[in-house]
Amino acid sequence: MVIHCSRPDSLLYPHLQVLKRAMLLLFSHILEAAVIAQKLCLPVENILGLAAEETQYGQGRIASTYNNYFSMHAPAPGQLSDAPVSGTSKVRVAVYSSFLQSGESFAARFGKAVMGKRDPQAFAQALMMSGYNSGAPRTGGRAGFAKYLIDIINAVKGRMEC
């Protein structure tokens, strides 16, 4: 028996769009992420997971417009220029030429904090302790940052093992 449905996959399976974006980010930047991961003695999924978390799986405006995959505020190491987060925002983000350049900037600023933190929980905690993300909305952090990042890293790892 064949069932026909006129609804697009994105309506039937909303998670399918997230999966497609995750796979696109994974396959588009796995080699560059591996370079950064090797420098920091980390698994590739930690770097790709963090980039996915920060950019809505590569779809966020700051990543797609400015190649800033790690939400690096300006001034940042290796940036080409900077741009406002929004039209009137005083907060500025770094602009890069590539995922690799963005990742190298992240490594320059936060590398010592995360060096060798292979376990997703240790990696997330190191990011919070270094000031990358406080985990508190009142200070500009994301509520539940550590758990959210750990879940994404584990999902990326699962996709890489397929």
C-alpha atoms as a PDB file:
ATOM      1  CA  MET A   1       0.000   0.000   0.000  1.00  0.00           C
ATOM      2  CA  VAL A   2       1.360   3.414  -0.991  1.00  0.00           C
ATOM      3  CA  ILE A   3       0.333   6.491   0.937  1.00  0.00           C
ATOM      4  CA  HIS A   4       0.461   9.775  -0.920  1.00  0.00           C
ATOM      5  CA  CYS A   5       0.730  13.045   0.894  1.00  0.00           C
ATOM      6  CA  SER A   6       0.834  16.518  -0.574  1.00  0.00           C
ATOM      7  CA  ARG A   7       2.554  17.999   2.480  1.00  0.00           C
ATOM      8  CA  PRO A   8       6.268  18.653   2.075  1.00  0.00           C
ATOM      9  CA  ASP A   9       8.714  16.676   4.204  1.00  0.00           C
ATOM     10  CA  SER A  10       9.462  19.780   6.278  1.00  0.00           C
ATOM     11  CA  LEU A  11       5.864  19.805   7.535  1.00  0.00           C
ATOM     12  CA  LEU A  12       5.682  16.069   8.120  1.00  0.00           C
ATOM     13  CA  TYR A  13       9.076  15.893   9.789  1.00  0.00           C
ATOM     14  CA  PRO A  14      10.143  19.283  11.171  1.00  0.00           C
ATOM     15  CA  HIS A  15      13.340  17.745  12.542  1.00  0.00           C
ATOM     16  CA  LEU A  16      14.303  16.780   8.983  1.00  0.00           C
ATOM     17  CA  GLN A  17      15.199  20.381   8.157  1.00  0.00           C
ATOM     18  CA  VAL A  18      17.469  20.558  11.207  1.00  0.00           C
ATOM     19  CA  LEU A  19      19.082  17.285  10.173  1.00  0.00           C
ATOM     20  CA  LYS A  20      19.664  18.578   6.635  1.00  0.00           C
ATOM     21  CA  ARG A  21      21.279  21.765   7.978  1.00  0.00           C
ATOM     22  CA  ALA A  22      23.419  19.747  10.382  1.00  0.00           C
ATOM     23  CA  MET A  23      24.648  17.470   7.613  1.00  0.00           C
ATOM     24  CA  LEU A  24      25.384  20.419   5.325  1.00  0.00           C
ATOM     25  CA  LEU A  25      27.446  22.125   8.036  1.00  0.00           C
ATOM     26  CA  LEU A  26      29.213  18.861   8.824  1.00  0.00           C
ATOM     27  CA  PHE A  27      30.200  18.045   5.255  1.00  0.00           C
ATOM     28  CA  SER A  28      30.980  21.636   4.274  1.00  0.00           C
ATOM     29  CA  HIS A  29      33.459  22.294   7.069  1.00  0.00           C
ATOM     30  CA  ILE A  30      34.739  18.981   8.407  1.00  0.00           C
ATOM     31  CA  LEU A  31      38.255  19.445   6.998  1.00  0.00           C
ATOM     32  CA  GLU A  32      38.667  22.961   8.380  1.00  0.00           C
ATOM     33  CA  ALA A  33      37.216  21.857  11.723  1.00  0.00           C
ATOM     34  CA  ALA A  34      39.738  19.003  11.794  1.00  0.00           C
ATOM     35  CA  VAL A  35      42.608  21.499  11.471  1.00  0.00           C
ATOM     36  CA  ILE A  36      41.330  23.499  14.453  1.00  0.00           C
ATOM     37  CA  ALA A  37      40.531  20.367  16.464  1.00  0.00           C
ATOM     38  CA  GLN A  38      44.026  18.982  15.927  1.00  0.00           C
ATOM     39  CA  LYS A  39      45.625  22.241  17.135  1.00  0.00           C
ATOM     40  CA  LEU A  40      43.523  22.105  20.300  1.00  0.00           C
ATOM     41  CA  CYS A  41      43.781  18.315  20.875  1.00  0.00           C
ATOM     42  CA  LEU A  42      39.995  18.013  20.563  1.00  0.00           C
ATOM     43  CA  PRO A  43      37.665  15.707  18.665  1.00  0.00           C
ATOM     44  CA  VAL A  44      36.307  17.292  15.492  1.00  0.00           C
ATOM     45  CA  GLU A  45      32.744  16.991  16.799  1.00  0.00           C
ATOM     46  CA  ASN A  46      33.515  19.491  19.574  1.00  0.00           C
ATOM     47  CA  ILE A  47      34.463  22.167  17.025  1.00  0.00           C
ATOM     48  CA  LEU A  48      31.619  21.350  14.628  1.00  0.00           C
ATOM     49  CA  GLY A  49      29.153  21.087  17.507  1.00  0.00           C
ATOM     50  CA  LEU A  50      30.122  24.494  18.838  1.00  0.00           C
ATOM     51  CA  ALA A  51      29.850  26.016  15.356  1.00  0.00           C
ATOM     52  CA  ALA A  52      26.437  24.375  14.919  1.00  0.00           C
ATOM     53  CA  GLU A  53      25.258  25.709  18.285  1.00  0.00           C
ATOM     54  CA  GLU A  54      26.445  29.240  17.584  1.00  0.00           C
ATOM     55  CA  THR A  55      25.097  29.476  14.029  1.00  0.00           C
ATOM     56  CA  GLN A  56      21.851  27.508  13.999  1.00  0.00           C
ATOM     57  CA  TYR A  57      23.667  24.825  12.004  1.00  0.00           C
ATOM     58  CA  GLY A  58      25.341  27.353   9.712  1.00  0.00           C
ATOM     59  CA  GLN A  59      22.145  29.188   8.837  1.00  0.00           C
ATOM     60  CA  GLY A  60      22.500  32.186  11.145  1.00  0.00           C
ATOM     61  CA  ARG A  61      23.080  35.601   9.588  1.00  0.00           C
ATOM     62  CA  ILE A  62      26.415  36.208  11.303  1.00  0.00           C
ATOM     63  CA  ALA A  63      27.808  32.940   9.922  1.00  0.00           C
ATOM     64  CA  SER A  64      26.313  33.211   6.450  1.00  0.00           C
ATOM     65  CA  THR A  65      27.145  36.907   5.982  1.00  0.00           C
ATOM     66  CA  TYR A  66      30.399  37.304   7.913  1.00  0.00           C
ATOM     67  CA  ASN A  67      31.836  33.746   8.034  1.00  0.00           C
ATOM     68  CA  ASN A  68      31.800  34.090  11.821  1.00  0.00           C
ATOM     69  CA  TYR A  69      30.970  30.555  12.968  1.00  0.00           C
ATOM     70  CA  PHE A  70      31.985  31.010  16.615  1.00  0.00           C
ATOM     71  CA  SER A  71      30.201  34.284  17.489  1.00  0.00           C
ATOM     72  CA  MET A  72      33.492  36.090  17.949  1.00  0.00           C
ATOM     73  CA  HIS A  73      32.985  39.663  19.096  1.00  0.00           C
ATOM     74  CA  ALA A  74      35.236  42.335  17.633  1.00  0.00           C
ATOM     75  CA  PRO A  75      38.023  43.023  17.968  1.00  0.00           C
ATOM     76  CA  ALA A  76      39.129  39.419  17.509  1.00  0.00           C
ATOM     77  CA  PRO A  77      42.368  37.770  16.389  1.00  0.00           C
ATOM     78  CA  GLY A  78      42.695  37.524  12.611  1.00  0.00           C
ATOM     79  CA  GLN A  79      39.506  39.382  11.732  1.00  0.00           C
ATOM     80  CA  LEU A  80      39.295  41.131   8.360  1.00  0.00           C
ATOM     81  CA  SER A  81      36.917  43.791   9.651  1.00  0.00           C
ATOM     82  CA  ASP A  82      33.933  44.065  11.962  1.00  0.00           C
ATOM     83  CA  ALA A  83      30.205  44.670  11.650  1.00  0.00           C
ATOM     84  CA  PRO A  84      27.332  45.496  14.000  1.00  0.00           C
ATOM     85  CA  VAL A  85      25.237  42.595  15.272  1.00  0.00           C
ATOM     86  CA  SER A  86      22.201  44.579  14.115  1.00  0.00           C
ATOM     87  CA  GLY A  87      21.762  47.971  12.494  1.00  0.00           C
ATOM     88  CA  THR A  88      21.835  49.994  15.694  1.00  0.00           C
ATOM     89  CA  SER A  89      23.767  47.634  17.927  1.00  0.00           C
ATOM     90  CA  LYS A  90      26.899  48.796  19.701  1.00  0.00           C
ATOM     91  CA  VAL A  91      27.994  45.158  19.837  1.00  0.00           C
ATOM     92  CA  ARG A  92      30.211  44.329  16.887  1.00  0.00           C
ATOM     93  CA  VAL A  93      31.224  40.947  15.527  1.00  0.00           C
ATOM     94  CA  ALA A  94      34.336  39.942  13.668  1.00  0.00           C
ATOM     95  CA  VAL A  95      34.232  39.352   9.910  1.00  0.00           C
ATOM     96  CA  TYR A  96      36.286  36.509   8.403  1.00  0.00           C
ATOM     97  CA  SER A  97      37.021  35.104   4.958  1.00  0.00           C
ATOM     98  CA  SER A  98      36.293  31.467   5.854  1.00  0.00           C
ATOM     99  CA  PHE A  99      35.275  28.906   8.462  1.00  0.00           C
ATOM    100  CA  LEU A 100      38.968  28.127   8.983  1.00  0.00           C
ATOM    101  CA  GLN A 101      39.878  31.753   9.670  1.00  0.00           C
ATOM    102  CA  SER A 102      36.962  32.019  12.113  1.00  0.00           C
ATOM    103  CA  GLY A 103      38.067  28.806  13.828  1.00  0.00           C
ATOM    104  CA  GLU A 104      41.668  29.985  14.078  1.00  0.00           C
ATOM    105  CA  SER A 105      40.426  33.165  15.742  1.00  0.00           C
ATOM    106  CA  PHE A 106      38.413  31.085  18.220  1.00  0.00           C
ATOM    107  CA  ALA A 107      41.511  28.969  18.908  1.00  0.00           C
ATOM    108  CA  ALA A 108      43.663  32.052  19.475  1.00  0.00           C
ATOM    109  CA  ARG A 109      41.227  33.537  21.984  1.00  0.00           C
ATOM    110  CA  PHE A 110      39.849  30.437  23.758  1.00  0.00           C
ATOM    111  CA  GLY A 111      42.326  27.690  22.856  1.00  0.00           C
ATOM    112  CA  LYS A 112      44.143  27.638  26.191  1.00  0.00           C
ATOM    113  CA  ALA A 113      40.843  27.217  28.022  1.00  0.00           C
ATOM    114  CA  VAL A 114      39.628  24.257  25.960  1.00  0.00           C
ATOM    115  CA  MET A 115      42.957  22.593  25.088  1.00  0.00           C
ATOM    116  CA  GLY A 116      42.574  18.835  25.453  1.00  0.00           C
ATOM    117  CA  LYS A 117      38.998  19.013  26.809  1.00  0.00           C
ATOM    118  CA  ARG A 118      37.859  16.030  24.760  1.00  0.00           C
ATOM    119  CA  ASP A 119      34.798  15.187  26.859  1.00  0.00           C
ATOM    120  CA  PRO A 120      31.808  17.319  25.725  1.00  0.00           C
ATOM    121  CA  GLN A 121      30.930  18.246  29.312  1.00  0.00           C
ATOM    122  CA  ALA A 122      34.495  19.311  30.141  1.00  0.00           C
ATOM    123  CA  PHE A 123      34.632  21.273  26.867  1.00  0.00           C
ATOM    124  CA  ALA A 124      31.355  23.087  27.592  1.00  0.00           C
ATOM    125  CA  GLN A 125      32.380  23.847  31.179  1.00  0.00           C
ATOM    126  CA  ALA A 126      35.741  25.206  30.011  1.00  0.00           C
ATOM    127  CA  LEU A 127      33.953  27.517  27.575  1.00  0.00           C
ATOM    128  CA  MET A 128      31.744  28.817  30.361  1.00  0.00           C
ATOM    129  CA  MET A 129      34.659  29.310  32.769  1.00  0.00           C
ATOM    130  CA  SER A 130      36.629  31.189  30.096  1.00  0.00           C
ATOM    131  CA  GLY A 131      33.807  33.670  29.522  1.00  0.00           C
ATOM    132  CA  TYR A 132      32.862  32.361  26.084  1.00  0.00           C
ATOM    133  CA  ASN A 133      29.274  31.886  27.276  1.00  0.00           C
ATOM    134  CA  SER A 134      28.173  32.443  30.851  1.00  0.00           C
ATOM    135  CA  GLY A 135      25.070  30.281  30.581  1.00  0.00           C
ATOM    136  CA  ALA A 136      23.112  33.176  32.105  1.00  0.00           C
ATOM    137  CA  PRO A 137      20.836  35.332  29.912  1.00  0.00           C
ATOM    138  CA  ARG A 138      21.270  38.335  32.225  1.00  0.00           C
ATOM    139  CA  THR A 139      24.950  38.480  31.200  1.00  0.00           C
ATOM    140  CA  GLY A 140      24.373  37.756  27.519  1.00  0.00           C
ATOM    141  CA  GLY A 141      24.754  33.992  27.793  1.00  0.00           C
ATOM    142  CA  ARG A 142      22.405  31.258  26.723  1.00  0.00           C
ATOM    143  CA  ALA A 143      20.329  29.581  29.424  1.00  0.00           C
ATOM    144  CA  GLY A 144      21.273  25.916  29.519  1.00  0.00           C
ATOM    145  CA  PHE A 145      24.308  26.517  27.284  1.00  0.00           C
ATOM    146  CA  ALA A 146      26.328  23.546  28.544  1.00  0.00           C
ATOM    147  CA  LYS A 147      23.559  20.952  28.169  1.00  0.00           C
ATOM    148  CA  TYR A 148      22.494  22.337  24.800  1.00  0.00           C
ATOM    149  CA  LEU A 149      26.071  22.261  23.487  1.00  0.00           C
ATOM    150  CA  ILE A 150      26.707  18.765  24.852  1.00  0.00           C
ATOM    151  CA  ASP A 151      23.563  17.480  23.114  1.00  0.00           C
ATOM    152  CA  ILE A 152      24.644  19.039  19.810  1.00  0.00           C
ATOM    153  CA  ILE A 153      28.187  17.664  20.081  1.00  0.00           C
ATOM    154  CA  ASN A 154      26.786  14.186  20.732  1.00  0.00           C
ATOM    155  CA  ALA A 155      24.411  14.539  17.770  1.00  0.00           C
ATOM    156  CA  VAL A 156      27.257  15.649  15.489  1.00  0.00           C
ATOM    157  CA  LYS A 157      29.353  12.710  16.682  1.00  0.00           C
ATOM    158  CA  GLY A 158      26.477  10.365  15.885  1.00  0.00           C
ATOM    159  CA  ARG A 159      26.132  11.801  12.370  1.00  0.00           C
ATOM    160  CA  MET A 160      29.878  11.454  11.794  1.00  0.00           C
ATOM    161  CA  GLU A 161      29.735   7.781  12.759  1.00  0.00           C
ATOM    162  CA  CYS A 162      27.085   7.000  10.134  1.00  0.00           C
END
